[in-house]
């Protein structure tokens, strides 16, 4: 199966959606259990969906880089870098919470990384489906009358 830019872009957006769903799961967990974790298992319960989204983002963006699509479409490379920073910040966050310490620097990096991922998704979308491309422009033209 060939890795086409549109399929990779779809994977990027699916990963972003999974991460958003993970944030919702996290907020719901904290609403039900409070702001502090009492065990590592509680962290897993609150964050596993987010981690899944990050893993999908890493796989998709790495596939784009390895297949050469990232050379023409920099959004995939930005997604890879931002997802890598987010994964590292999540690991740091887990470690700090597991030891009962605040993880403010890790949270700051996570926010910046998430912003980078959103920018990357927008950039990749523009590069793959750009409004200035003939196929995108043709989509919005009215059908020709016979």
Protein backbone atom coordinates (compact mmCIF):
# COMPACT_ATOMS: atom_id res chain seq x y z
CA UNK A 1 0.00 0.00 0.00
CA UNK A 2 1.51 3.28 -1.14
CA UNK A 3 1.68 6.10 1.35
CA UNK A 4 -0.05 8.96 -0.40
CA UNK A 5 0.06 12.48 1.04
CA UNK A 6 -3.75 12.58 1.43
CA UNK A 7 -3.73 9.35 3.45
CA UNK A 8 -0.93 10.64 5.64
CA UNK A 9 -2.83 13.90 6.11
CA UNK A 10 -5.93 11.96 7.15
CA UNK A 11 -3.79 10.04 9.64
CA UNK A 12 -2.44 13.31 11.00
CA UNK A 13 -5.97 14.63 11.59
CA UNK A 14 -7.10 11.34 13.12
CA UNK A 15 -4.16 11.54 15.54
CA UNK A 16 -5.12 15.12 16.39
CA UNK A 17 -8.71 14.01 17.00
CA UNK A 18 -7.56 11.19 19.28
CA UNK A 19 -5.46 13.67 21.26
CA UNK A 20 -8.45 16.00 21.59
CA UNK A 21 -10.56 13.08 22.80
CA UNK A 22 -7.75 12.29 25.25
CA UNK A 23 -7.93 15.81 26.64
CA UNK A 24 -11.65 15.34 27.21
CA UNK A 25 -11.01 12.02 29.01
CA UNK A 26 -8.35 13.74 31.13
CA UNK A 27 -10.64 16.62 32.12
CA UNK A 28 -13.47 14.20 32.96
CA UNK A 29 -11.09 12.09 35.07
CA UNK A 30 -9.88 15.13 37.01
CA UNK A 31 -13.47 16.34 37.48
CA UNK A 32 -14.36 13.00 39.05
CA UNK A 33 -11.16 12.38 41.06
CA UNK A 34 -9.59 15.75 41.83
CA UNK A 35 -6.37 17.33 40.65
CA UNK A 36 -3.85 14.98 42.29
CA UNK A 37 -2.88 11.46 41.29
CA UNK A 38 -2.52 8.87 44.02
CA UNK A 39 -0.91 6.22 41.82
CA UNK A 40 0.70 5.63 38.45
CA UNK A 41 -2.37 3.61 37.42
CA UNK A 42 -4.52 6.73 37.90
CA UNK A 43 -2.24 8.59 35.51
CA UNK A 44 -2.67 5.81 32.97
CA UNK A 45 -6.46 5.98 33.34
CA UNK A 46 -6.45 9.75 32.80
CA UNK A 47 -3.92 9.92 29.96
CA UNK A 48 -3.95 6.71 27.90
CA UNK A 49 -6.10 8.15 25.11
CA UNK A 50 -3.83 11.18 24.82
CA UNK A 51 -0.78 8.90 24.68
CA UNK A 52 -2.45 6.85 21.94
CA UNK A 53 -3.00 10.03 19.91
CA UNK A 54 0.63 11.04 20.34
CA UNK A 55 1.78 7.57 19.25
CA UNK A 56 -0.40 7.73 16.13
CA UNK A 57 0.96 11.22 15.37
CA UNK A 58 4.53 9.95 15.72
CA UNK A 59 3.87 6.94 13.46
CA UNK A 60 2.10 8.97 10.75
CA UNK A 61 4.62 11.82 10.71
CA UNK A 62 7.56 9.39 10.77
CA UNK A 63 6.00 7.49 7.84
CA UNK A 64 5.71 10.78 5.95
CA UNK A 65 9.35 11.62 6.64
CA UNK A 66 10.59 8.13 5.72
CA UNK A 67 8.53 8.01 2.50
CA UNK A 68 9.87 11.36 1.33
CA UNK A 69 6.57 13.27 1.50
CA UNK A 70 7.96 15.46 4.27
CA UNK A 71 10.52 16.95 1.88
CA UNK A 72 7.77 18.60 -0.15
CA UNK A 73 5.36 19.01 2.75
CA UNK A 74 7.06 20.54 5.78
CA UNK A 75 3.92 20.22 7.91
CA UNK A 76 4.69 16.53 8.42
CA UNK A 77 8.19 17.33 9.68
CA UNK A 78 6.84 19.99 12.05
CA UNK A 79 4.29 17.42 13.30
CA UNK A 80 7.06 14.90 13.96
CA UNK A 81 9.16 17.39 15.93
CA UNK A 82 6.18 18.72 17.92
CA UNK A 83 4.90 15.19 18.66
CA UNK A 84 8.38 14.14 19.80
CA UNK A 85 8.55 17.10 22.20
CA UNK A 86 5.04 16.30 23.40
CA UNK A 87 5.97 12.65 24.04
CA UNK A 88 9.05 13.70 26.03
CA UNK A 89 7.03 16.25 28.01
CA UNK A 90 4.36 13.63 28.74
CA UNK A 91 7.03 11.23 30.04
CA UNK A 92 8.49 13.98 32.21
CA UNK A 93 4.98 14.87 33.44
CA UNK A 94 4.31 11.23 34.34
CA UNK A 95 7.59 10.99 36.26
CA UNK A 96 6.98 14.17 38.25
CA UNK A 97 3.40 13.24 39.13
CA UNK A 98 4.48 9.71 40.10
CA UNK A 99 6.85 11.28 42.63
CA UNK A 100 4.27 13.75 43.95
CA UNK A 101 5.97 16.80 42.49
CA UNK A 102 4.42 19.58 40.41
CA UNK A 103 5.21 19.39 36.71
CA UNK A 104 4.85 23.01 35.63
CA UNK A 105 7.77 23.04 33.14
CA UNK A 106 6.47 19.83 31.53
CA UNK A 107 3.00 21.36 31.23
CA UNK A 108 4.44 24.45 29.54
CA UNK A 109 6.26 22.26 27.01
CA UNK A 110 3.08 20.23 26.44
CA UNK A 111 1.10 23.41 25.65
CA UNK A 112 3.79 24.61 23.23
CA UNK A 113 3.99 21.20 21.60
CA UNK A 114 0.23 21.02 21.14
CA UNK A 115 0.29 24.44 19.50
CA UNK A 116 3.06 23.15 17.22
CA UNK A 117 0.95 20.12 16.31
CA UNK A 118 -2.00 22.33 15.40
CA UNK A 119 0.22 24.55 13.26
CA UNK A 120 1.70 21.43 11.64
CA UNK A 121 -1.75 20.03 10.83
CA UNK A 122 -2.79 23.32 9.26
CA UNK A 123 0.45 23.60 7.31
CA UNK A 124 0.27 20.00 6.08
CA UNK A 125 -3.36 20.51 5.07
CA UNK A 126 -2.46 23.59 3.07
CA UNK A 127 0.50 21.85 1.45
CA UNK A 128 -1.42 18.69 0.51
CA UNK A 129 -4.83 20.18 -0.33
CA UNK A 130 -3.84 23.84 -0.81
CA UNK A 131 -6.56 26.18 -2.01
CA UNK A 132 -4.35 27.31 -4.85
CA UNK A 133 -4.01 23.82 -6.33
CA UNK A 134 -6.05 23.21 -9.51
CA UNK A 135 -8.00 20.27 -8.06
CA UNK A 136 -9.07 22.32 -5.03
CA UNK A 137 -10.12 25.28 -7.17
CA UNK A 138 -12.05 23.00 -9.53
CA UNK A 139 -14.03 21.63 -6.59
CA UNK A 140 -15.58 25.06 -5.99
CA UNK A 141 -16.35 25.89 -9.63
CA UNK A 142 -19.94 25.40 -10.72
CA UNK A 143 -20.47 22.53 -13.15
CA UNK A 144 -20.27 23.45 -16.83
CA UNK A 145 -23.54 23.68 -18.71
CA UNK A 146 -23.85 21.63 -21.86
